[in-house]
Amino acid sequence: AVVSTQSTGGLIERKTLKQTVMTQVYGVTHYGAKEQIKGRLQDKGMSSEDAAECAKYLSVLTFRAVGQLFTQAQQIQEWLNKSAYLIAESGKSVNWSTPLGLPCVQPY
């Protein structure tokens, strides 16, 4: 199916994509983004099949747009993800102190 503005019947509005944009910094996956958007479209009355097709397309566009708008933030997030992966591979934990001096240990 071809996704177009006409085929969505005006169902795409700010609220349709807001959750995906806001949760991207928390590591939402493409699958999760697609499901979020699909749910919003279904809430507006779109069939499950059409919503799934549109959501797949819109999630890709949303990720691309956020990446273009926030390039440095995305680079930092990619660095943090890579660092977490390497720490997990090493079997070590990350240790730090809060501003109040409380020790924190994050095992990976």
PDB file of N, CA and C in Angstrom:
ATOM      1  N   ALA A   1       0.836  -1.179   0.000  1.00  0.00           N
ATOM      2  CA  ALA A   1       0.000   0.000   0.000  1.00  0.00           C
ATOM      3  C   ALA A   1       0.885   1.247   0.000  1.00  0.00           C
ATOM      4  N   VAL A   2       0.449   2.225  -0.753  1.00  0.00           N
ATOM      5  CA  VAL A   2       1.168   3.489  -0.823  1.00  0.00           C
ATOM      6  C   VAL A   2       0.627   4.404   0.256  1.00  0.00           C
ATOM      7  N   VAL A   3       1.538   4.950   1.064  1.00  0.00           N
ATOM      8  CA  VAL A   3       1.145   5.854   2.133  1.00  0.00           C
ATOM      9  C   VAL A   3       1.219   7.275   1.602  1.00  0.00           C
ATOM     10  N   SER A   4       0.139   8.002   1.732  1.00  0.00           N
ATOM     11  CA  SER A   4       0.122   9.400   1.323  1.00  0.00           C
ATOM     12  C   SER A   4      -0.722  10.181   2.311  1.00  0.00           C
ATOM     13  N   THR A   5      -0.612  11.486   2.232  1.00  0.00           N
ATOM     14  CA  THR A   5      -1.418  12.330   3.107  1.00  0.00           C
ATOM     15  C   THR A   5      -2.895  12.070   2.855  1.00  0.00           C
ATOM     16  N   GLN A   6      -3.262  11.865   1.611  1.00  0.00           N
ATOM     17  CA  GLN A   6      -4.666  11.604   1.287  1.00  0.00           C
ATOM     18  C   GLN A   6      -5.131  10.277   1.854  1.00  0.00           C
ATOM     19  N   SER A   7      -4.262   9.251   1.808  1.00  0.00           N
ATOM     20  CA  SER A   7      -4.682   7.932   2.282  1.00  0.00           C
ATOM     21  C   SER A   7      -4.841   7.886   3.802  1.00  0.00           C
ATOM     22  N   THR A   8      -4.224   8.822   4.511  1.00  0.00           N
ATOM     23  CA  THR A   8      -4.365   8.831   5.965  1.00  0.00           C
ATOM     24  C   THR A   8      -5.592   9.614   6.399  1.00  0.00           C
ATOM     25  N   GLY A   9      -6.235  10.279   5.478  1.00  0.00           N
ATOM     26  CA  GLY A   9      -7.480  10.973   5.792  1.00  0.00           C
ATOM     27  C   GLY A   9      -7.330  12.050   6.854  1.00  0.00           C
ATOM     28  N   GLY A  10      -6.187  12.706   6.901  1.00  0.00           N
ATOM     29  CA  GLY A  10      -5.981  13.768   7.878  1.00  0.00           C
ATOM     30  C   GLY A  10      -5.767  13.280   9.298  1.00  0.00           C
ATOM     31  N   LEU A  11      -5.432  11.996   9.468  1.00  0.00           N
ATOM     32  CA  LEU A  11      -5.268  11.420  10.800  1.00  0.00           C
ATOM     33  C   LEU A  11      -3.914  11.734  11.430  1.00  0.00           C
ATOM     34  N   ILE A  12      -2.987  12.228  10.628  1.00  0.00           N
ATOM     35  CA  ILE A  12      -1.657  12.503  11.168  1.00  0.00           C
ATOM     36  C   ILE A  12      -1.615  13.939  11.663  1.00  0.00           C
ATOM     37  N   GLU A  13      -1.461  14.057  12.958  1.00  0.00           N
ATOM     38  CA  GLU A  13      -1.345  15.371  13.578  1.00  0.00           C
ATOM     39  C   GLU A  13      -0.199  15.309  14.577  1.00  0.00           C
ATOM     40  N   ARG A  14       0.065  16.393  15.237  1.00  0.00           N
ATOM     41  CA  ARG A  14       1.174  16.482  16.177  1.00  0.00           C
ATOM     42  C   ARG A  14       1.152  15.331  17.189  1.00  0.00           C
ATOM     43  N   LYS A  15       0.016  15.052  17.747  1.00  0.00           N
ATOM     44  CA  LYS A  15      -0.122  14.028  18.778  1.00  0.00           C
ATOM     45  C   LYS A  15       0.244  12.627  18.261  1.00  0.00           C
ATOM     46  N   THR A  16       0.074  12.408  16.955  1.00  0.00           N
ATOM     47  CA  THR A  16       0.365  11.103  16.366  1.00  0.00           C
ATOM     48  C   THR A  16       1.833  10.726  16.526  1.00  0.00           C
ATOM     49  N   LEU A  17       2.709  11.710  16.417  1.00  0.00           N
ATOM     50  CA  LEU A  17       4.151  11.441  16.455  1.00  0.00           C
ATOM     51  C   LEU A  17       4.838  11.898  17.736  1.00  0.00           C
ATOM     52  N   LYS A  18       4.149  12.655  18.570  1.00  0.00           N
ATOM     53  CA  LYS A  18       4.773  13.249  19.747  1.00  0.00           C
ATOM     54  C   LYS A  18       5.390  12.207  20.675  1.00  0.00           C
ATOM     55  N   GLN A  19       4.681  11.158  20.992  1.00  0.00           N
ATOM     56  CA  GLN A  19       5.190  10.131  21.905  1.00  0.00           C
ATOM     57  C   GLN A  19       6.491   9.535  21.375  1.00  0.00           C
ATOM     58  N   THR A  20       6.543   9.269  20.090  1.00  0.00           N
ATOM     59  CA  THR A  20       7.738   8.683  19.493  1.00  0.00           C
ATOM     60  C   THR A  20       8.917   9.646  19.577  1.00  0.00           C
ATOM     61  N   VAL A  21       8.673  10.917  19.275  1.00  0.00           N
ATOM     62  CA  VAL A  21       9.744  11.912  19.361  1.00  0.00           C
ATOM     63  C   VAL A  21      10.245  12.034  20.798  1.00  0.00           C
ATOM     64  N   MET A  22       9.317  12.094  21.747  1.00  0.00           N
ATOM     65  CA  MET A  22       9.688  12.294  23.144  1.00  0.00           C
ATOM     66  C   MET A  22      10.383  11.072  23.763  1.00  0.00           C
ATOM     67  N   THR A  23      10.063   9.873  23.301  1.00  0.00           N
ATOM     68  CA  THR A  23      10.665   8.676  23.892  1.00  0.00           C
ATOM     69  C   THR A  23      11.930   8.239  23.167  1.00  0.00           C
ATOM     70  N   GLN A  24      12.266   8.894  22.076  1.00  0.00           N
ATOM     71  CA  GLN A  24      13.471   8.512  21.344  1.00  0.00           C
ATOM     72  C   GLN A  24      14.721   8.698  22.201  1.00  0.00           C
ATOM     73  N   VAL A  25      14.755   9.723  23.026  1.00  0.00           N
ATOM     74  CA  VAL A  25      15.922   9.943  23.890  1.00  0.00           C
ATOM     75  C   VAL A  25      16.047   8.871  24.970  1.00  0.00           C
ATOM     76  N   TYR A  26      14.970   8.130  25.214  1.00  0.00           N
ATOM     77  CA  TYR A  26      15.008   7.049  26.201  1.00  0.00           C
ATOM     78  C   TYR A  26      15.291   5.702  25.546  1.00  0.00           C
ATOM     79  N   GLY A  27      15.572   5.738  24.245  1.00  0.00           N
ATOM     80  CA  GLY A  27      15.981   4.528  23.561  1.00  0.00           C
ATOM     81  C   GLY A  27      14.860   3.739  22.907  1.00  0.00           C
ATOM     82  N   VAL A  28      13.761   4.396  22.566  1.00  0.00           N
ATOM     83  CA  VAL A  28      12.699   3.663  21.883  1.00  0.00           C
ATOM     84  C   VAL A  28      13.266   3.058  20.595  1.00  0.00           C
ATOM     85  N   THR A  29      12.893   1.835  20.317  1.00  0.00           N
ATOM     86  CA  THR A  29      13.363   1.147  19.117  1.00  0.00           C
ATOM     87  C   THR A  29      12.448   1.469  17.938  1.00  0.00           C
ATOM     88  N   HIS A  30      12.881   1.088  16.747  1.00  0.00           N
ATOM     89  CA  HIS A  30      12.021   1.288  15.578  1.00  0.00           C
ATOM     90  C   HIS A  30      10.712   0.519  15.747  1.00  0.00           C
ATOM     91  N   TYR A  31      10.810  -0.691  16.298  1.00  0.00           N
ATOM     92  CA  TYR A  31       9.595  -1.482  16.536  1.00  0.00           C
ATOM     93  C   TYR A  31       8.672  -0.758  17.516  1.00  0.00           C
ATOM     94  N   GLY A  32       9.234  -0.283  18.619  1.00  0.00           N
ATOM     95  CA  GLY A  32       8.432   0.431  19.611  1.00  0.00           C
ATOM     96  C   GLY A  32       7.800   1.682  19.044  1.00  0.00           C
ATOM     97  N   ALA A  33       8.564   2.419  18.244  1.00  0.00           N
ATOM     98  CA  ALA A  33       8.044   3.638  17.616  1.00  0.00           C
ATOM     99  C   ALA A  33       6.887   3.298  16.684  1.00  0.00           C
ATOM    100  N   LYS A  34       7.069   2.239  15.911  1.00  0.00           N
ATOM    101  CA  LYS A  34       6.010   1.819  14.980  1.00  0.00           C
ATOM    102  C   LYS A  34       4.738   1.468  15.744  1.00  0.00           C
ATOM    103  N   GLU A  35       4.891   0.766  16.865  1.00  0.00           N
ATOM    104  CA  GLU A  35       3.729   0.388  17.664  1.00  0.00           C
ATOM    105  C   GLU A  35       3.047   1.603  18.299  1.00  0.00           C
ATOM    106  N   GLN A  36       3.842   2.576  18.738  1.00  0.00           N
ATOM    107  CA  GLN A  36       3.271   3.803  19.306  1.00  0.00           C
ATOM    108  C   GLN A  36       2.423   4.536  18.264  1.00  0.00           C
ATOM    109  N   ILE A  37       3.003   4.706  17.094  1.00  0.00           N
ATOM    110  CA  ILE A  37       2.305   5.432  16.019  1.00  0.00           C
ATOM    111  C   ILE A  37       1.083   4.650  15.566  1.00  0.00           C
ATOM    112  N   LYS A  38       1.240   3.348  15.436  1.00  0.00           N
ATOM    113  CA  LYS A  38       0.111   2.504  15.031  1.00  0.00           C
ATOM    114  C   LYS A  38      -1.057   2.663  16.007  1.00  0.00           C
ATOM    115  N   GLY A  39      -0.752   2.667  17.297  1.00  0.00           N
ATOM    116  CA  GLY A  39      -1.800   2.834  18.305  1.00  0.00           C
ATOM    117  C   GLY A  39      -2.532   4.153  18.167  1.00  0.00           C
ATOM    118  N   ARG A  40      -1.788   5.210  17.917  1.00  0.00           N
ATOM    119  CA  ARG A  40      -2.416   6.534  17.734  1.00  0.00           C
ATOM    120  C   ARG A  40      -3.323   6.550  16.508  1.00  0.00           C
ATOM    121  N   LEU A  41      -2.863   5.938  15.433  1.00  0.00           N
ATOM    122  CA  LEU A  41      -3.678   5.899  14.210  1.00  0.00           C
ATOM    123  C   LEU A  41      -4.937   5.064  14.401  1.00  0.00           C
ATOM    124  N   GLN A  42      -4.811   3.957  15.122  1.00  0.00           N
ATOM    125  CA  GLN A  42      -5.980   3.124  15.399  1.00  0.00           C
ATOM    126  C   GLN A  42      -6.962   3.861  16.313  1.00  0.00           C
ATOM    127  N   ASP A  43      -6.430   4.640  17.254  1.00  0.00           N
ATOM    128  CA  ASP A  43      -7.300   5.442  18.124  1.00  0.00           C
ATOM    129  C   ASP A  43      -8.140   6.416  17.305  1.00  0.00           C
ATOM    130  N   LYS A  44      -7.604   6.828  16.156  1.00  0.00           N
ATOM    131  CA  LYS A  44      -8.308   7.765  15.275  1.00  0.00           C
ATOM    132  C   LYS A  44      -9.254   7.056  14.306  1.00  0.00           C
ATOM    133  N   GLY A  45      -9.281   5.718  14.368  1.00  0.00           N
ATOM    134  CA  GLY A  45     -10.219   4.979  13.545  1.00  0.00           C
ATOM    135  C   GLY A  45      -9.633   4.276  12.337  1.00  0.00           C
ATOM    136  N   MET A  46      -8.328   4.309  12.166  1.00  0.00           N
ATOM    137  CA  MET A  46      -7.712   3.626  11.032  1.00  0.00           C
ATOM    138  C   MET A  46      -7.674   2.129  11.313  1.00  0.00           C
ATOM    139  N   SER A  47      -7.865   1.331  10.284  1.00  0.00           N
ATOM    140  CA  SER A  47      -7.830  -0.125  10.450  1.00  0.00           C
ATOM    141  C   SER A  47      -6.435  -0.566  10.881  1.00  0.00           C
ATOM    142  N   SER A  48      -6.363  -1.716  11.514  1.00  0.00           N
ATOM    143  CA  SER A  48      -5.092  -2.230  12.018  1.00  0.00           C
ATOM    144  C   SER A  48      -4.084  -2.423  10.891  1.00  0.00           C
ATOM    145  N   GLU A  49      -4.528  -2.954   9.774  1.00  0.00           N
ATOM    146  CA  GLU A  49      -3.632  -3.209   8.638  1.00  0.00           C
ATOM    147  C   GLU A  49      -3.088  -1.902   8.056  1.00  0.00           C
ATOM    148  N   ASP A  50      -3.977  -0.930   7.821  1.00  0.00           N
ATOM    149  CA  ASP A  50      -3.538   0.357   7.283  1.00  0.00           C
ATOM    150  C   ASP A  50      -2.664   1.102   8.286  1.00  0.00           C
ATOM    151  N   ALA A  51      -3.020   1.021   9.554  1.00  0.00           N
ATOM    152  CA  ALA A  51      -2.246   1.694  10.595  1.00  0.00           C
ATOM    153  C   ALA A  51      -0.841   1.108  10.666  1.00  0.00           C
ATOM    154  N   ALA A  52      -0.714  -0.198  10.544  1.00  0.00           N
ATOM    155  CA  ALA A  52       0.597  -0.848  10.595  1.00  0.00           C
ATOM    156  C   ALA A  52       1.467  -0.384   9.429  1.00  0.00           C
ATOM    157  N   GLU A  53       0.886  -0.300   8.252  1.00  0.00           N
ATOM    158  CA  GLU A  53       1.625   0.133   7.058  1.00  0.00           C
ATOM    159  C   GLU A  53       2.065   1.591   7.188  1.00  0.00           C
ATOM    160  N   CYS A  54       1.162   2.439   7.599  1.00  0.00           N
ATOM    161  CA  CYS A  54       1.480   3.861   7.774  1.00  0.00           C
ATOM    162  C   CYS A  54       2.502   4.054   8.896  1.00  0.00           C
ATOM    163  N   ALA A  55       2.337   3.336   9.989  1.00  0.00           N
ATOM    164  CA  ALA A  55       3.225   3.476  11.136  1.00  0.00           C
ATOM    165  C   ALA A  55       4.646   3.058  10.796  1.00  0.00           C
ATOM    166  N   LYS A  56       4.771   2.032  10.001  1.00  0.00           N
ATOM    167  CA  LYS A  56       6.100   1.581   9.586  1.00  0.00           C
ATOM    168  C   LYS A  56       6.813   2.704   8.832  1.00  0.00           C
ATOM    169  N   TYR A  57       6.126   3.300   7.905  1.00  0.00           N
ATOM    170  CA  TYR A  57       6.672   4.392   7.101  1.00  0.00           C
ATOM    171  C   TYR A  57       6.947   5.624   7.963  1.00  0.00           C
ATOM    172  N   LEU A  58       5.989   6.000   8.803  1.00  0.00           N
ATOM    173  CA  LEU A  58       6.128   7.197   9.622  1.00  0.00           C
ATOM    174  C   LEU A  58       7.222   7.062  10.682  1.00  0.00           C
ATOM    175  N   SER A  59       7.416   5.864  11.202  1.00  0.00           N
ATOM    176  CA  SER A  59       8.478   5.685  12.209  1.00  0.00           C
ATOM    177  C   SER A  59       9.854   5.908  11.586  1.00  0.00           C
ATOM    178  N   VAL A  60      10.039   5.449  10.370  1.00  0.00           N
ATOM    179  CA  VAL A  60      11.314   5.671   9.674  1.00  0.00           C
ATOM    180  C   VAL A  60      11.527   7.164   9.434  1.00  0.00           C
ATOM    181  N   LEU A  61      10.500   7.847   8.962  1.00  0.00           N
ATOM    182  CA  LEU A  61      10.604   9.289   8.722  1.00  0.00           C
ATOM    183  C   LEU A  61      10.853  10.060  10.012  1.00  0.00           C
ATOM    184  N   THR A  62      10.202   9.654  11.093  1.00  0.00           N
ATOM    185  CA  THR A  62      10.360  10.336  12.373  1.00  0.00           C
ATOM    186  C   THR A  62      11.783  10.186  12.891  1.00  0.00           C
ATOM    187  N   PHE A  63      12.328   8.973  12.844  1.00  0.00           N
ATOM    188  CA  PHE A  63      13.702   8.757  13.281  1.00  0.00           C
ATOM    189  C   PHE A  63      14.675   9.577  12.438  1.00  0.00           C
ATOM    190  N   ARG A  64      14.442   9.610  11.146  1.00  0.00           N
ATOM    191  CA  ARG A  64      15.316  10.367  10.234  1.00  0.00           C
ATOM    192  C   ARG A  64      15.251  11.859  10.554  1.00  0.00           C
ATOM    193  N   ALA A  65      14.054  12.383  10.757  1.00  0.00           N
ATOM    194  CA  ALA A  65      13.881  13.811  11.032  1.00  0.00           C
ATOM    195  C   ALA A  65      14.528  14.204  12.360  1.00  0.00           C
ATOM    196  N   VAL A  66      14.327  13.403  13.397  1.00  0.00           N
ATOM    197  CA  VAL A  66      14.927  13.708  14.689  1.00  0.00           C
ATOM    198  C   VAL A  66      16.453  13.669  14.579  1.00  0.00           C
ATOM    199  N   GLY A  67      16.968  12.709  13.841  1.00  0.00           N
ATOM    200  CA  GLY A  67      18.415  12.614  13.630  1.00  0.00           C
ATOM    201  C   GLY A  67      18.978  13.819  12.905  1.00  0.00           C
ATOM    202  N   GLN A  68      18.227  14.358  11.955  1.00  0.00           N
ATOM    203  CA  GLN A  68      18.671  15.539  11.212  1.00  0.00           C
ATOM    204  C   GLN A  68      18.591  16.806  12.056  1.00  0.00           C
ATOM    205  N   LEU A  69      17.590  16.890  12.905  1.00  0.00           N
ATOM    206  CA  LEU A  69      17.420  18.082  13.733  1.00  0.00           C
ATOM    207  C   LEU A  69      18.378  18.115  14.917  1.00  0.00           C
ATOM    208  N   PHE A  70      18.685  16.964  15.457  1.00  0.00           N
ATOM    209  CA  PHE A  70      19.492  16.886  16.674  1.00  0.00           C
ATOM    210  C   PHE A  70      20.721  16.015  16.441  1.00  0.00           C
ATOM    211  N   THR A  71      21.554  16.415  15.498  1.00  0.00           N
ATOM    212  CA  THR A  71      22.687  15.580  15.105  1.00  0.00           C
ATOM    213  C   THR A  71      23.668  15.349  16.248  1.00  0.00           C
ATOM    214  N   GLN A  72      24.016  16.391  16.992  1.00  0.00           N
ATOM    215  CA  GLN A  72      24.978  16.210  18.076  1.00  0.00           C
ATOM    216  C   GLN A  72      24.403  15.358  19.199  1.00  0.00           C
ATOM    217  N   ALA A  73      23.155  15.566  19.524  1.00  0.00           N
ATOM    218  CA  ALA A  73      22.526  14.750  20.569  1.00  0.00           C
ATOM    219  C   ALA A  73      22.505  13.287  20.145  1.00  0.00           C
ATOM    220  N   GLN A  74      22.234  13.038  18.874  1.00  0.00           N
ATOM    221  CA  GLN A  74      22.209  11.661  18.385  1.00  0.00           C
ATOM    222  C   GLN A  74      23.605  11.046  18.423  1.00  0.00           C
ATOM    223  N   GLN A  75      24.621  11.831  18.111  1.00  0.00           N
ATOM    224  CA  GLN A  75      25.994  11.328  18.174  1.00  0.00           C
ATOM    225  C   GLN A  75      26.378  10.974  19.610  1.00  0.00           C
ATOM    226  N   ILE A  76      25.972  11.803  20.558  1.00  0.00           N
ATOM    227  CA  ILE A  76      26.247  11.517  21.968  1.00  0.00           C
ATOM    228  C   ILE A  76      25.523  10.244  22.394  1.00  0.00           C
ATOM    229  N   GLN A  77      24.275  10.101  21.969  1.00  0.00           N
ATOM    230  CA  GLN A  77      23.507   8.903  22.323  1.00  0.00           C
ATOM    231  C   GLN A  77      24.162   7.653  21.734  1.00  0.00           C
ATOM    232  N   GLU A  78      24.640   7.746  20.506  1.00  0.00           N
ATOM    233  CA  GLU A  78      25.317   6.601  19.890  1.00  0.00           C
ATOM    234  C   GLU A  78      26.603   6.263  20.648  1.00  0.00           C
ATOM    235  N   TRP A  79      27.346   7.290  21.089  1.00  0.00           N
ATOM    236  CA  TRP A  79      28.565   7.073  21.868  1.00  0.00           C
ATOM    237  C   TRP A  79      28.230   6.389  23.188  1.00  0.00           C
ATOM    238  N   LEU A  80      27.188   6.866  23.867  1.00  0.00           N
ATOM    239  CA  LEU A  80      26.784   6.258  25.133  1.00  0.00           C
ATOM    240  C   LEU A  80      26.360   4.800  24.939  1.00  0.00           C
ATOM    241  N   ASN A  81      25.608   4.534  23.871  1.00  0.00           N
ATOM    242  CA  ASN A  81      25.190   3.155  23.590  1.00  0.00           C
ATOM    243  C   ASN A  81      26.394   2.252  23.336  1.00  0.00           C
ATOM    244  N   LYS A  82      27.355   2.762  22.560  1.00  0.00           N
ATOM    245  CA  LYS A  82      28.553   1.981  22.268  1.00  0.00           C
ATOM    246  C   LYS A  82      29.357   1.747  23.545  1.00  0.00           C
ATOM    247  N   SER A  83      29.481   2.787  24.372  1.00  0.00           N
ATOM    248  CA  SER A  83      30.208   2.661  25.641  1.00  0.00           C
ATOM    249  C   SER A  83      29.541   1.634  26.551  1.00  0.00           C
ATOM    250  N   ALA A  84      28.217   1.692  26.651  1.00  0.00           N
ATOM    251  CA  ALA A  84      27.487   0.733  27.491  1.00  0.00           C
ATOM    252  C   ALA A  84      27.707  -0.688  26.986  1.00  0.00           C
ATOM    253  N   TYR A  85      27.709  -0.854  25.676  1.00  0.00           N
ATOM    254  CA  TYR A  85      27.936  -2.176  25.092  1.00  0.00           C
ATOM    255  C   TYR A  85      29.328  -2.693  25.463  1.00  0.00           C
ATOM    256  N   LEU A  86      30.344  -1.816  25.331  1.00  0.00           N
ATOM    257  CA  LEU A  86      31.717  -2.220  25.645  1.00  0.00           C
ATOM    258  C   LEU A  86      31.890  -2.529  27.133  1.00  0.00           C
ATOM    259  N   ILE A  87      31.241  -1.740  27.979  1.00  0.00           N
ATOM    260  CA  ILE A  87      31.309  -1.994  29.423  1.00  0.00           C
ATOM    261  C   ILE A  87      30.653  -3.338  29.739  1.00  0.00           C
ATOM    262  N   ALA A  88      29.511  -3.591  29.128  1.00  0.00           N
ATOM    263  CA  ALA A  88      28.820  -4.862  29.352  1.00  0.00           C
ATOM    264  C   ALA A  88      29.678  -6.033  28.899  1.00  0.00           C
ATOM    265  N   GLU A  89      30.345  -5.866  27.766  1.00  0.00           N
ATOM    266  CA  GLU A  89      31.228  -6.927  27.262  1.00  0.00           C
ATOM    267  C   GLU A  89      32.378  -7.205  28.226  1.00  0.00           C
ATOM    268  N   SER A  90      32.853  -6.158  28.915  1.00  0.00           N
ATOM    269  CA  SER A  90      33.994  -6.318  29.824  1.00  0.00           C
ATOM    270  C   SER A  90      33.592  -6.947  31.155  1.00  0.00           C
ATOM    271  N   GLY A  91      32.281  -6.931  31.449  1.00  0.00           N
ATOM    272  CA  GLY A  91      31.797  -7.492  32.703  1.00  0.00           C
ATOM    273  C   GLY A  91      31.984  -6.567  33.892  1.00  0.00           C
ATOM    274  N   LYS A  92      32.348  -5.316  33.639  1.00  0.00           N
ATOM    275  CA  LYS A  92      32.576  -4.364  34.724  1.00  0.00           C
ATOM    276  C   LYS A  92      31.330  -3.522  34.953  1.00  0.00           C
ATOM    277  N   SER A  93      31.329  -2.779  36.052  1.00  0.00           N
ATOM    278  CA  SER A  93      30.213  -1.886  36.355  1.00  0.00           C
ATOM    279  C   SER A  93      30.690  -0.440  36.255  1.00  0.00           C
ATOM    280  N   VAL A  94      29.741   0.468  36.183  1.00  0.00           N
ATOM    281  CA  VAL A  94      30.037   1.894  36.162  1.00  0.00           C
ATOM    282  C   VAL A  94      29.736   2.435  37.552  1.00  0.00           C
ATOM    283  N   ASN A  95      30.681   3.168  38.119  1.00  0.00           N
ATOM    284  CA  ASN A  95      30.535   3.716  39.463  1.00  0.00           C
ATOM    285  C   ASN A  95      30.664   5.231  39.417  1.00  0.00           C
ATOM    286  N   TRP A  96      29.844   5.917  40.181  1.00  0.00           N
ATOM    287  CA  TRP A  96      29.925   7.370  40.293  1.00  0.00           C
ATOM    288  C   TRP A  96      29.262   7.800  41.589  1.00  0.00           C
ATOM    289  N   SER A  97      29.440   9.081  41.913  1.00  0.00           N
ATOM    290  CA  SER A  97      28.806   9.659  43.101  1.00  0.00           C
ATOM    291  C   SER A  97      27.841  10.748  42.668  1.00  0.00           C
ATOM    292  N   THR A  98      26.703  10.819  43.332  1.00  0.00           N
ATOM    293  CA  THR A  98      25.722  11.862  43.048  1.00  0.00           C
ATOM    294  C   THR A  98      26.221  13.191  43.615  1.00  0.00           C
ATOM    295  N   PRO A  99      25.607  14.297  43.247  1.00  0.00           N
ATOM    296  CA  PRO A  99      25.991  15.594  43.826  1.00  0.00           C
ATOM    297  C   PRO A  99      25.894  15.621  45.354  1.00  0.00           C
ATOM    298  N   LEU A 100      25.055  14.751  45.916  1.00  0.00           N
ATOM    299  CA  LEU A 100      24.948  14.673  47.382  1.00  0.00           C
ATOM    300  C   LEU A 100      26.006  13.761  47.995  1.00  0.00           C
ATOM    301  N   GLY A 101      26.819  13.153  47.144  1.00  0.00           N
ATOM    302  CA  GLY A 101      27.883  12.276  47.636  1.00  0.00           C
ATOM    303  C   GLY A 101      27.473  10.824  47.791  1.00  0.00           C
ATOM    304  N   LEU A 102      26.299  10.464  47.331  1.00  0.00           N
ATOM    305  CA  LEU A 102      25.837   9.077  47.443  1.00  0.00           C
ATOM    306  C   LEU A 102      26.491   8.237  46.341  1.00  0.00           C
ATOM    307  N   PRO A 103      27.019   7.085  46.702  1.00  0.00           N
ATOM    308  CA  PRO A 103      27.638   6.235  45.684  1.00  0.00           C
ATOM    309  C   PRO A 103      26.587   5.508  44.843  1.00  0.00           C
ATOM    310  N   CYS A 104      26.858   5.402  43.576  1.00  0.00           N
ATOM    311  CA  CYS A 104      25.978   4.665  42.656  1.00  0.00           C
ATOM    312  C   CYS A 104      26.818   3.643  41.907  1.00  0.00           C
ATOM    313  N   VAL A 105      26.235   2.466  41.720  1.00  0.00           N
ATOM    314  CA  VAL A 105      26.876   1.409  40.952  1.00  0.00           C
ATOM    315  C   VAL A 105      25.859   0.915  39.938  1.00  0.00           C
ATOM    316  N   GLN A 106      26.254   0.950  38.674  1.00  0.00           N
ATOM    317  CA  GLN A 106      25.374   0.477  37.602  1.00  0.00           C
ATOM    318  C   GLN A 106      26.012  -0.747  36.966  1.00  0.00           C
ATOM    319  N   PRO A 107      25.564  -1.951  37.377  1.00  0.00           N
ATOM    320  CA  PRO A 107      26.112  -3.156  36.736  1.00  0.00           C
ATOM    321  C   PRO A 107      25.507  -3.320  35.339  1.00  0.00           C
ATOM    322  N   TYR A 108      26.301  -3.816  34.422  1.00  0.00           N
ATOM    323  CA  TYR A 108      25.810  -4.034  33.063  1.00  0.00           C
ATOM    324  C   TYR A 108      25.804  -5.480  32.739  1.00  0.00           C
TER     325      TYR A 108
END
